[in-house]
mmCIF file of all heavy atoms, coordinates in Angstrom:
data_MODEL
# 
_entry.id   MODEL 
# 
loop_
_atom_site.group_PDB 
_atom_site.id 
_atom_site.type_symbol 
_atom_site.label_atom_id 
_atom_site.label_alt_id 
_atom_site.label_comp_id 
_atom_site.label_asym_id 
_atom_site.label_entity_id 
_atom_site.label_seq_id 
_atom_site.pdbx_PDB_ins_code 
_atom_site.Cartn_x 
_atom_site.Cartn_y 
_atom_site.Cartn_z 
_atom_site.occupancy 
_atom_site.B_iso_or_equiv 
_atom_site.pdbx_formal_charge 
_atom_site.auth_seq_id 
_atom_site.auth_comp_id 
_atom_site.auth_asym_id 
_atom_site.auth_atom_id 
_atom_site.pdbx_PDB_model_num 
ATOM 1   N N   . ALA A 1 1  ? 99.796  115.476 107.478 1.00 0.00 ? 1  ALA A N   1 
ATOM 2   C CA  . ALA A 1 1  ? 100.689 114.336 107.273 1.00 0.00 ? 1  ALA A CA  1 
ATOM 3   C C   . ALA A 1 1  ? 99.915  113.159 106.718 1.00 0.00 ? 1  ALA A C   1 
ATOM 4   O O   . ALA A 1 1  ? 98.766  112.914 107.103 1.00 0.00 ? 1  ALA A O   1 
ATOM 5   C CB  . ALA A 1 1  ? 101.363 113.941 108.584 1.00 0.00 ? 1  ALA A CB  1 
ATOM 6   N N   . LEU A 1 2  ? 100.541 112.433 105.813 1.00 0.00 ? 2  LEU A N   1 
ATOM 7   C CA  . LEU A 1 2  ? 100.038 111.166 105.300 1.00 0.00 ? 2  LEU A CA  1 
ATOM 8   C C   . LEU A 1 2  ? 101.118 110.143 105.577 1.00 0.00 ? 2  LEU A C   1 
ATOM 9   O O   . LEU A 1 2  ? 102.231 110.248 105.066 1.00 0.00 ? 2  LEU A O   1 
ATOM 10  C CB  . LEU A 1 2  ? 99.745  111.246 103.801 1.00 0.00 ? 2  LEU A CB  1 
ATOM 11  C CG  . LEU A 1 2  ? 99.262  109.955 103.140 1.00 0.00 ? 2  LEU A CG  1 
ATOM 12  C CD1 . LEU A 1 2  ? 97.935  109.493 103.749 1.00 0.00 ? 2  LEU A CD1 1 
ATOM 13  C CD2 . LEU A 1 2  ? 99.124  110.153 101.642 1.00 0.00 ? 2  LEU A CD2 1 
ATOM 14  N N   . LYS A 1 3  ? 100.811 109.166 106.417 1.00 0.00 ? 3  LYS A N   1 
ATOM 15  C CA  . LYS A 1 3  ? 101.812 108.184 106.833 1.00 0.00 ? 3  LYS A CA  1 
ATOM 16  C C   . LYS A 1 3  ? 101.826 106.989 105.899 1.00 0.00 ? 3  LYS A C   1 
ATOM 17  O O   . LYS A 1 3  ? 100.905 106.789 105.104 1.00 0.00 ? 3  LYS A O   1 
ATOM 18  C CB  . LYS A 1 3  ? 101.535 107.742 108.268 1.00 0.00 ? 3  LYS A CB  1 
ATOM 19  C CG  . LYS A 1 3  ? 101.611 108.895 109.246 1.00 0.00 ? 3  LYS A CG  1 
ATOM 20  C CD  . LYS A 1 3  ? 101.295 108.465 110.646 1.00 0.00 ? 3  LYS A CD  1 
ATOM 21  C CE  . LYS A 1 3  ? 101.371 109.673 111.575 1.00 0.00 ? 3  LYS A CE  1 
ATOM 22  N NZ  . LYS A 1 3  ? 101.048 109.334 112.941 1.00 0.00 ? 3  LYS A NZ  1 
ATOM 23  N N   . LYS A 1 4  ? 102.871 106.160 106.018 1.00 0.00 ? 4  LYS A N   1 
ATOM 24  C CA  . LYS A 1 4  ? 102.974 104.934 105.235 1.00 0.00 ? 4  LYS A CA  1 
ATOM 25  C C   . LYS A 1 4  ? 101.891 103.962 105.682 1.00 0.00 ? 4  LYS A C   1 
ATOM 26  O O   . LYS A 1 4  ? 101.617 103.832 106.875 1.00 0.00 ? 4  LYS A O   1 
ATOM 27  C CB  . LYS A 1 4  ? 104.345 104.295 105.406 1.00 0.00 ? 4  LYS A CB  1 
ATOM 28  C CG  . LYS A 1 4  ? 105.459 105.121 104.827 1.00 0.00 ? 4  LYS A CG  1 
ATOM 29  C CD  . LYS A 1 4  ? 106.792 104.428 105.014 1.00 0.00 ? 4  LYS A CD  1 
ATOM 30  C CE  . LYS A 1 4  ? 107.911 105.283 104.447 1.00 0.00 ? 4  LYS A CE  1 
ATOM 31  N NZ  . LYS A 1 4  ? 109.220 104.661 104.640 1.00 0.00 ? 4  LYS A NZ  1 
ATOM 32  N N   . SER A 1 5  ? 101.280 103.290 104.725 1.00 0.00 ? 5  SER A N   1 
ATOM 33  C CA  . SER A 1 5  ? 100.240 102.321 105.052 1.00 0.00 ? 5  SER A CA  1 
ATOM 34  C C   . SER A 1 5  ? 100.868 101.075 105.666 1.00 0.00 ? 5  SER A C   1 
ATOM 35  O O   . SER A 1 5  ? 102.051 100.797 105.461 1.00 0.00 ? 5  SER A O   1 
ATOM 36  C CB  . SER A 1 5  ? 99.456  101.946 103.797 1.00 0.00 ? 5  SER A CB  1 
ATOM 37  O OG  . SER A 1 5  ? 100.307 101.314 102.865 1.00 0.00 ? 5  SER A OG  1 
ATOM 38  N N   . PHE A 1 6  ? 100.075 100.327 106.407 1.00 0.00 ? 6  PHE A N   1 
ATOM 39  C CA  . PHE A 1 6  ? 100.566 99.074  106.974 1.00 0.00 ? 6  PHE A CA  1 
ATOM 40  C C   . PHE A 1 6  ? 99.426  98.076  107.003 1.00 0.00 ? 6  PHE A C   1 
ATOM 41  O O   . PHE A 1 6  ? 98.275  98.475  107.159 1.00 0.00 ? 6  PHE A O   1 
ATOM 42  C CB  . PHE A 1 6  ? 101.166 99.294  108.380 1.00 0.00 ? 6  PHE A CB  1 
ATOM 43  C CG  . PHE A 1 6  ? 100.194 99.844  109.389 1.00 0.00 ? 6  PHE A CG  1 
ATOM 44  C CD1 . PHE A 1 6  ? 99.431  98.994  110.184 1.00 0.00 ? 6  PHE A CD1 1 
ATOM 45  C CD2 . PHE A 1 6  ? 100.030 101.213 109.547 1.00 0.00 ? 6  PHE A CD2 1 
ATOM 46  C CE1 . PHE A 1 6  ? 98.539  99.500  111.107 1.00 0.00 ? 6  PHE A CE1 1 
ATOM 47  C CE2 . PHE A 1 6  ? 99.143  101.719 110.473 1.00 0.00 ? 6  PHE A CE2 1 
ATOM 48  C CZ  . PHE A 1 6  ? 98.393  100.856 111.257 1.00 0.00 ? 6  PHE A CZ  1 
ATOM 49  N N   . PRO A 1 7  ? 99.691  96.801  106.778 1.00 0.00 ? 7  PRO A N   1 
ATOM 50  C CA  . PRO A 1 7  ? 100.988 96.310  106.305 1.00 0.00 ? 7  PRO A CA  1 
ATOM 51  C C   . PRO A 1 7  ? 101.195 96.705  104.845 1.00 0.00 ? 7  PRO A C   1 
ATOM 52  O O   . PRO A 1 7  ? 100.241 96.991  104.138 1.00 0.00 ? 7  PRO A O   1 
ATOM 53  C CB  . PRO A 1 7  ? 100.852 94.791  106.441 1.00 0.00 ? 7  PRO A CB  1 
ATOM 54  C CG  . PRO A 1 7  ? 99.388  94.530  106.293 1.00 0.00 ? 7  PRO A CG  1 
ATOM 55  C CD  . PRO A 1 7  ? 98.698  95.730  106.896 1.00 0.00 ? 7  PRO A CD  1 
ATOM 56  N N   . ASN A 1 8  ? 102.401 96.710  104.435 1.00 0.00 ? 8  ASN A N   1 
ATOM 57  C CA  . ASN A 1 8  ? 102.743 97.010  103.042 1.00 0.00 ? 8  ASN A CA  1 
ATOM 58  C C   . ASN A 1 8  ? 103.944 96.159  102.674 1.00 0.00 ? 8  ASN A C   1 
ATOM 59  O O   . ASN A 1 8  ? 105.024 96.423  103.192 1.00 0.00 ? 8  ASN A O   1 
ATOM 60  C CB  . ASN A 1 8  ? 103.046 98.490  102.854 1.00 0.00 ? 8  ASN A CB  1 
ATOM 61  C CG  . ASN A 1 8  ? 103.050 98.902  101.391 1.00 0.00 ? 8  ASN A CG  1 
ATOM 62  O OD1 . ASN A 1 8  ? 102.821 98.087  100.510 1.00 0.00 ? 8  ASN A OD1 1 
ATOM 63  N ND2 . ASN A 1 8  ? 103.323 100.172 101.153 1.00 0.00 ? 8  ASN A ND2 1 
ATOM 64  N N   . PRO A 1 9  ? 103.757 95.126  101.887 1.00 0.00 ? 9  PRO A N   1 
ATOM 65  C CA  . PRO A 1 9  ? 102.600 94.831  101.038 1.00 0.00 ? 9  PRO A CA  1 
ATOM 66  C C   . PRO A 1 9  ? 101.408 94.299  101.831 1.00 0.00 ? 9  PRO A C   1 
ATOM 67  O O   . PRO A 1 9  ? 101.560 93.742  102.907 1.00 0.00 ? 9  PRO A O   1 
ATOM 68  C CB  . PRO A 1 9  ? 103.118 93.773  100.067 1.00 0.00 ? 9  PRO A CB  1 
ATOM 69  C CG  . PRO A 1 9  ? 104.303 93.169  100.724 1.00 0.00 ? 9  PRO A CG  1 
ATOM 70  C CD  . PRO A 1 9  ? 104.874 94.204  101.638 1.00 0.00 ? 9  PRO A CD  1 
ATOM 71  N N   . ALA A 1 10 ? 100.215 94.487  101.255 1.00 0.00 ? 10 ALA A N   1 
ATOM 72  C CA  . ALA A 1 10 ? 98.969  94.071  101.891 1.00 0.00 ? 10 ALA A CA  1 
ATOM 73  C C   . ALA A 1 10 ? 98.313  92.956  101.091 1.00 0.00 ? 10 ALA A C   1 
ATOM 74  O O   . ALA A 1 10 ? 98.387  92.942  99.862  1.00 0.00 ? 10 ALA A O   1 
ATOM 75  C CB  . ALA A 1 10 ? 98.020  95.256  101.986 1.00 0.00 ? 10 ALA A CB  1 
ATOM 76  N N   . SER A 1 11 ? 97.682  92.023  101.800 1.00 0.00 ? 11 SER A N   1 
ATOM 77  C CA  . SER A 1 11 ? 96.990  90.936  101.109 1.00 0.00 ? 11 SER A CA  1 
ATOM 78  C C   . SER A 1 11 ? 95.486  90.930  101.392 1.00 0.00 ? 11 SER A C   1 
ATOM 79  O O   . SER A 1 11 ? 94.722  90.406  100.588 1.00 0.00 ? 11 SER A O   1 
ATOM 80  C CB  . SER A 1 11 ? 97.590  89.582  101.495 1.00 0.00 ? 11 SER A CB  1 
ATOM 81  O OG  . SER A 1 11 ? 97.468  89.369  102.884 1.00 0.00 ? 11 SER A OG  1 
ATOM 82  N N   . ARG A 1 12 ? 95.055  91.477  102.512 1.00 0.00 ? 12 ARG A N   1 
ATOM 83  C CA  . ARG A 1 12 ? 93.624  91.534  102.842 1.00 0.00 ? 12 ARG A CA  1 
ATOM 84  C C   . ARG A 1 12 ? 93.135  92.957  103.033 1.00 0.00 ? 12 ARG A C   1 
ATOM 85  O O   . ARG A 1 12 ? 92.134  93.362  102.485 1.00 0.00 ? 12 ARG A O   1 
ATOM 86  C CB  . ARG A 1 12 ? 93.337  90.744  104.114 1.00 0.00 ? 12 ARG A CB  1 
ATOM 87  C CG  . ARG A 1 12 ? 93.494  89.268  103.934 1.00 0.00 ? 12 ARG A CG  1 
ATOM 88  C CD  . ARG A 1 12 ? 93.003  88.562  105.163 1.00 0.00 ? 12 ARG A CD  1 
ATOM 89  N NE  . ARG A 1 12 ? 93.259  87.146  105.037 1.00 0.00 ? 12 ARG A NE  1 
ATOM 90  C CZ  . ARG A 1 12 ? 93.317  86.326  106.041 1.00 0.00 ? 12 ARG A CZ  1 
ATOM 91  N NH1 . ARG A 1 12 ? 93.141  86.781  107.259 1.00 0.00 ? 12 ARG A NH1 1 
ATOM 92  N NH2 . ARG A 1 12 ? 93.552  85.058  105.846 1.00 0.00 ? 12 ARG A NH2 1 
ATOM 93  N N   . GLN A 1 13 ? 93.840  93.686  103.888 1.00 0.00 ? 13 GLN A N   1 
ATOM 94  C CA  . GLN A 1 13 ? 93.481  95.079  104.134 1.00 0.00 ? 13 GLN A CA  1 
ATOM 95  C C   . GLN A 1 13 ? 94.725  95.866  104.496 1.00 0.00 ? 13 GLN A C   1 
ATOM 96  O O   . GLN A 1 13 ? 95.724  95.304  104.925 1.00 0.00 ? 13 GLN A O   1 
ATOM 97  C CB  . GLN A 1 13 ? 92.425  95.212  105.223 1.00 0.00 ? 13 GLN A CB  1 
ATOM 98  C CG  . GLN A 1 13 ? 92.876  94.770  106.592 1.00 0.00 ? 13 GLN A CG  1 
ATOM 99  C CD  . GLN A 1 13 ? 91.739  94.856  107.606 1.00 0.00 ? 13 GLN A CD  1 
ATOM 100 O OE1 . GLN A 1 13 ? 90.575  94.838  107.254 1.00 0.00 ? 13 GLN A OE1 1 
ATOM 101 N NE2 . GLN A 1 13 ? 92.099  94.954  108.872 1.00 0.00 ? 13 GLN A NE2 1 
ATOM 102 N N   . ALA A 1 14 ? 94.645  97.167  104.297 1.00 0.00 ? 14 ALA A N   1 
ATOM 103 C CA  . ALA A 1 14 ? 95.739  98.063  104.648 1.00 0.00 ? 14 ALA A CA  1 
ATOM 104 C C   . ALA A 1 14 ? 95.157  99.215  105.453 1.00 0.00 ? 14 ALA A C   1 
ATOM 105 O O   . ALA A 1 14 ? 94.056  99.687  105.177 1.00 0.00 ? 14 ALA A O   1 
ATOM 106 C CB  . ALA A 1 14 ? 96.429  98.594  103.393 1.00 0.00 ? 14 ALA A CB  1 
ATOM 107 N N   . THR A 1 15 ? 95.897  99.654  106.451 1.00 0.00 ? 15 THR A N   1 
ATOM 108 C CA  . THR A 1 15 ? 95.493  100.796 107.255 1.00 0.00 ? 15 THR A CA  1 
ATOM 109 C C   . THR A 1 15 ? 96.273  102.014 106.793 1.00 0.00 ? 15 THR A C   1 
ATOM 110 O O   . THR A 1 15 ? 97.498  101.958 106.655 1.00 0.00 ? 15 THR A O   1 
ATOM 111 C CB  . THR A 1 15 ? 95.753  100.531 108.748 1.00 0.00 ? 15 THR A CB  1 
ATOM 112 O OG1 . THR A 1 15 ? 94.993  99.379  109.140 1.00 0.00 ? 15 THR A OG1 1 
ATOM 113 C CG2 . THR A 1 15 ? 95.360  101.721 109.595 1.00 0.00 ? 15 THR A CG2 1 
ATOM 114 N N   . ILE A 1 16 ? 95.552  103.084 106.537 1.00 0.00 ? 16 ILE A N   1 
ATOM 115 C CA  . ILE A 1 16 ? 96.156  104.343 106.103 1.00 0.00 ? 16 ILE A CA  1 
ATOM 116 C C   . ILE A 1 16 ? 95.904  105.368 107.197 1.00 0.00 ? 16 ILE A C   1 
ATOM 117 O O   . ILE A 1 16 ? 94.753  105.608 107.571 1.00 0.00 ? 16 ILE A O   1 
ATOM 118 C CB  . ILE A 1 16 ? 95.558  104.811 104.761 1.00 0.00 ? 16 ILE A CB  1 
ATOM 119 C CG1 . ILE A 1 16 ? 95.839  103.775 103.664 1.00 0.00 ? 16 ILE A CG1 1 
ATOM 120 C CG2 . ILE A 1 16 ? 96.089  106.188 104.384 1.00 0.00 ? 16 ILE A CG2 1 
ATOM 121 C CD1 . ILE A 1 16 ? 95.100  104.031 102.363 1.00 0.00 ? 16 ILE A CD1 1 
ATOM 122 N N   . GLU A 1 17 ? 96.979  105.952 107.726 1.00 0.00 ? 17 GLU A N   1 
ATOM 123 C CA  . GLU A 1 17 ? 96.866  106.959 108.776 1.00 0.00 ? 17 GLU A CA  1 
ATOM 124 C C   . GLU A 1 17 ? 97.250  108.328 108.230 1.00 0.00 ? 17 GLU A C   1 
ATOM 125 O O   . GLU A 1 17 ? 98.160  108.442 107.407 1.00 0.00 ? 17 GLU A O   1 
ATOM 126 C CB  . GLU A 1 17 ? 97.772  106.604 109.958 1.00 0.00 ? 17 GLU A CB  1 
ATOM 127 C CG  . GLU A 1 17 ? 97.358  105.334 110.665 1.00 0.00 ? 17 GLU A CG  1 
ATOM 128 C CD  . GLU A 1 17 ? 98.233  105.013 111.852 1.00 0.00 ? 17 GLU A CD  1 
ATOM 129 O OE1 . GLU A 1 17 ? 99.405  105.453 111.882 1.00 0.00 ? 17 GLU A OE1 1 
ATOM 130 O OE2 . GLU A 1 17 ? 97.737  104.332 112.767 1.00 0.00 ? 17 GLU A OE2 1 
ATOM 131 N N   . TYR A 1 18 ? 96.553  109.348 108.719 1.00 0.00 ? 18 TYR A N   1 
ATOM 132 C CA  . TYR A 1 18 ? 96.851  110.715 108.308 1.00 0.00 ? 18 TYR A CA  1 
ATOM 133 C C   . TYR A 1 18 ? 96.510  111.661 109.458 1.00 0.00 ? 18 TYR A C   1 
ATOM 134 O O   . TYR A 1 18 ? 95.822  111.283 110.407 1.00 0.00 ? 18 TYR A O   1 
ATOM 135 C CB  . TYR A 1 18 ? 96.086  111.094 107.036 1.00 0.00 ? 18 TYR A CB  1 
ATOM 136 C CG  . TYR A 1 18 ? 94.586  110.943 107.121 1.00 0.00 ? 18 TYR A CG  1 
ATOM 137 C CD1 . TYR A 1 18 ? 93.773  112.031 107.411 1.00 0.00 ? 18 TYR A CD1 1 
ATOM 138 C CD2 . TYR A 1 18 ? 93.974  109.709 106.903 1.00 0.00 ? 18 TYR A CD2 1 
ATOM 139 C CE1 . TYR A 1 18 ? 92.412  111.909 107.483 1.00 0.00 ? 18 TYR A CE1 1 
ATOM 140 C CE2 . TYR A 1 18 ? 92.603  109.574 106.979 1.00 0.00 ? 18 TYR A CE2 1 
ATOM 141 C CZ  . TYR A 1 18 ? 91.820  110.674 107.256 1.00 0.00 ? 18 TYR A CZ  1 
ATOM 142 O OH  . TYR A 1 18 ? 90.455  110.542 107.331 1.00 0.00 ? 18 TYR A OH  1 
ATOM 143 N N   . ALA A 1 19 ? 97.027  112.872 109.385 1.00 0.00 ? 19 ALA A N   1 
ATOM 144 C CA  . ALA A 1 19 ? 96.802  113.855 110.433 1.00 0.00 ? 19 ALA A CA  1 
ATOM 145 C C   . ALA A 1 19 ? 96.478  115.208 109.815 1.00 0.00 ? 19 ALA A C   1 
ATOM 146 O O   . ALA A 1 19 ? 97.011  115.564 108.763 1.00 0.00 ? 19 ALA A O   1 
ATOM 147 C CB  . ALA A 1 19 ? 98.045  113.985 111.316 1.00 0.00 ? 19 ALA A CB  1 
ATOM 148 N N   . VAL A 1 20 ? 95.595  115.935 110.505 1.00 0.00 ? 20 VAL A N   1 
ATOM 149 C CA  . VAL A 1 20 ? 95.254  117.289 110.084 1.00 0.00 ? 20 VAL A CA  1 
ATOM 150 C C   . VAL A 1 20 ? 95.340  118.210 111.303 1.00 0.00 ? 20 VAL A C   1 
ATOM 151 O O   . VAL A 1 20 ? 94.876  117.860 112.382 1.00 0.00 ? 20 VAL A O   1 
ATOM 152 C CB  . VAL A 1 20 ? 93.855  117.364 109.426 1.00 0.00 ? 20 VAL A CB  1 
ATOM 153 C CG1 . VAL A 1 20 ? 93.829  116.613 108.117 1.00 0.00 ? 20 VAL A CG1 1 
ATOM 154 C CG2 . VAL A 1 20 ? 92.774  116.828 110.337 1.00 0.00 ? 20 VAL A CG2 1 
ATOM 155 N N   . PRO A 1 21 ? 95.971  119.384 111.171 1.00 0.00 ? 21 PRO A N   1 
ATOM 156 C CA  . PRO A 1 21 ? 96.154  120.275 112.322 1.00 0.00 ? 21 PRO A CA  1 
ATOM 157 C C   . PRO A 1 21 ? 94.916  121.105 112.667 1.00 0.00 ? 21 PRO A C   1 
ATOM 158 O O   . PRO A 1 21 ? 94.855  121.697 113.737 1.00 0.00 ? 21 PRO A O   1 
ATOM 159 C CB  . PRO A 1 21 ? 97.299  121.180 111.879 1.00 0.00 ? 21 PRO A CB  1 
ATOM 160 C CG  . PRO A 1 21 ? 97.181  121.209 110.396 1.00 0.00 ? 21 PRO A CG  1 
ATOM 161 C CD  . PRO A 1 21 ? 96.682  119.850 109.995 1.00 0.00 ? 21 PRO A CD  1 
ATOM 162 N N   . LYS A 1 22 ? 93.940  121.162 111.762 1.00 0.00 ? 22 LYS A N   1 
ATOM 163 C CA  . LYS A 1 22 ? 92.712  121.919 112.003 1.00 0.00 ? 22 LYS A CA  1 
ATOM 164 C C   . LYS A 1 22 ? 91.578  121.250 111.240 1.00 0.00 ? 22 LYS A C   1 
ATOM 165 O O   . LYS A 1 22 ? 91.812  120.452 110.332 1.00 0.00 ? 22 LYS A O   1 
ATOM 166 C CB  . LYS A 1 22 ? 92.874  123.369 111.544 1.00 0.00 ? 22 LYS A CB  1 
ATOM 167 C CG  . LYS A 1 22 ? 93.173  123.479 110.054 1.00 0.00 ? 22 LYS A CG  1 
ATOM 168 C CD  . LYS A 1 22 ? 93.410  124.895 109.620 1.00 0.00 ? 22 LYS A CD  1 
ATOM 169 C CE  . LYS A 1 22 ? 93.726  124.910 108.121 1.00 0.00 ? 22 LYS A CE  1 
ATOM 170 N NZ  . LYS A 1 22 ? 93.994  126.239 107.635 1.00 0.00 ? 22 LYS A NZ  1 
ATOM 171 N N   . GLN A 1 23 ? 90.358  121.563 111.610 1.00 0.00 ? 23 GLN A N   1 
ATOM 172 C CA  . GLN A 1 23 ? 89.222  120.981 110.908 1.00 0.00 ? 23 GLN A CA  1 
ATOM 173 C C   . GLN A 1 23 ? 89.267  121.420 109.455 1.00 0.00 ? 23 GLN A C   1 
ATOM 174 O O   . GLN A 1 23 ? 89.419  122.607 109.149 1.00 0.00 ? 23 GLN A O   1 
ATOM 175 C CB  . GLN A 1 23 ? 87.911  121.431 111.546 1.00 0.00 ? 23 GLN A CB  1 
ATOM 176 C CG  . GLN A 1 23 ? 86.703  120.832 110.855 1.00 0.00 ? 23 GLN A CG  1 
ATOM 177 C CD  . GLN A 1 23 ? 85.397  121.226 111.533 1.00 0.00 ? 23 GLN A CD  1 
ATOM 178 O OE1 . GLN A 1 23 ? 85.385  121.645 112.677 1.00 0.00 ? 23 GLN A OE1 1 
ATOM 179 N NE2 . GLN A 1 23 ? 84.305  121.083 110.817 1.00 0.00 ? 23 GLN A NE2 1 
ATOM 180 N N   . THR A 1 24 ? 89.158  120.457 108.560 1.00 0.00 ? 24 THR A N   1 
ATOM 181 C CA  . THR A 1 24 ? 89.242  120.766 107.136 1.00 0.00 ? 24 THR A CA  1 
ATOM 182 C C   . THR A 1 24 ? 88.640  119.645 106.306 1.00 0.00 ? 24 THR A C   1 
ATOM 183 O O   . THR A 1 24 ? 88.414  118.542 106.793 1.00 0.00 ? 24 THR A O   1 
ATOM 184 C CB  . THR A 1 24 ? 90.711  121.014 106.716 1.00 0.00 ? 24 THR A CB  1 
ATOM 185 O OG1 . THR A 1 24 ? 90.744  121.530 105.393 1.00 0.00 ? 24 THR A OG1 1 
ATOM 186 C CG2 . THR A 1 24 ? 91.524  119.737 106.780 1.00 0.00 ? 24 THR A CG2 1 
ATOM 187 N N   . GLU A 1 25 ? 88.393  119.938 105.062 1.00 0.00 ? 25 GLU A N   1 
ATOM 188 C CA  . GLU A 1 25 ? 87.904  118.957 104.092 1.00 0.00 ? 25 GLU A CA  1 
ATOM 189 C C   . GLU A 1 25 ? 89.078  118.084 103.674 1.00 0.00 ? 25 GLU A C   1 
ATOM 190 O O   . GLU A 1 25 ? 90.127  118.597 103.265 1.00 0.00 ? 25 GLU A O   1 
ATOM 191 C CB  . GLU A 1 25 ? 87.330  119.687 102.877 1.00 0.00 ? 25 GLU A CB  1 
ATOM 192 C CG  . GLU A 1 25 ? 86.630  118.820 101.882 1.00 0.00 ? 25 GLU A CG  1 
ATOM 193 C CD  . GLU A 1 25 ? 85.207  118.457 102.310 1.00 0.00 ? 25 GLU A CD  1 
ATOM 194 O OE1 . GLU A 1 25 ? 84.626  119.161 103.150 1.00 0.00 ? 25 GLU A OE1 1 
ATOM 195 O OE2 . GLU A 1 25 ? 84.710  117.463 101.786 1.00 0.00 ? 25 GLU A OE2 1 
ATOM 196 N N   . VAL A 1 26 ? 88.924  116.758 103.777 1.00 0.00 ? 26 VAL A N   1 
ATOM 197 C CA  . VAL A 1 26 ? 90.003  115.823 103.472 1.00 0.00 ? 26 VAL A CA  1 
ATOM 198 C C   . VAL A 1 26 ? 89.506  114.778 102.485 1.00 0.00 ? 26 VAL A C   1 
ATOM 199 O O   . VAL A 1 26 ? 88.389  114.273 102.600 1.00 0.00 ? 26 VAL A O   1 
ATOM 200 C CB  . VAL A 1 26 ? 90.514  115.108 104.747 1.00 0.00 ? 26 VAL A CB  1 
ATOM 201 C CG1 . VAL A 1 26 ? 91.555  114.055 104.409 1.00 0.00 ? 26 VAL A CG1 1 
ATOM 202 C CG2 . VAL A 1 26 ? 91.078  116.120 105.722 1.00 0.00 ? 26 VAL A CG2 1 
ATOM 203 N N   . SER A 1 27 ? 90.353  114.446 101.532 1.00 0.00 ? 27 SER A N   1 
ATOM 204 C CA  . SER A 1 27 ? 90.075  113.364 100.594 1.00 0.00 ? 27 SER A CA  1 
ATOM 205 C C   . SER A 1 27 ? 91.279  112.429 100.564 1.00 0.00 ? 27 SER A C   1 
ATOM 206 O O   . SER A 1 27 ? 92.412  112.896 100.435 1.00 0.00 ? 27 SER A O   1 
ATOM 207 C CB  . SER A 1 27 ? 89.823  113.926 99.191  1.00 0.00 ? 27 SER A CB  1 
ATOM 208 O OG  . SER A 1 27 ? 89.748  112.869 98.247  1.00 0.00 ? 27 SER A OG  1 
ATOM 209 N N   . VAL A 1 28 ? 91.030  111.128 100.708 1.00 0.00 ? 28 VAL A N   1 
ATOM 210 C CA  . VAL A 1 28 ? 92.077  110.126 100.537 1.00 0.00 ? 28 VAL A CA  1 
ATOM 211 C C   . VAL A 1 28 ? 91.538  109.113 99.540  1.00 0.00 ? 28 VAL A C   1 
ATOM 212 O O   . VAL A 1 28 ? 90.524  108.453 99.795  1.00 0.00 ? 28 VAL A O   1 
ATOM 213 C CB  . VAL A 1 28 ? 92.462  109.428 101.859 1.00 0.00 ? 28 VAL A CB  1 
ATOM 214 C CG1 . VAL A 1 28 ? 93.548  108.389 101.607 1.00 0.00 ? 28 VAL A CG1 1 
ATOM 215 C CG2 . VAL A 1 28 ? 92.911  110.435 102.902 1.00 0.00 ? 28 VAL A CG2 1 
# 
């Protein structure tokens, strides 16, 4: 899963959350 970033719109920083069901190579 790749969730919606927050805050959005962003002015300083944005947090991006994601989930993986097993150990794996991930790129964002």
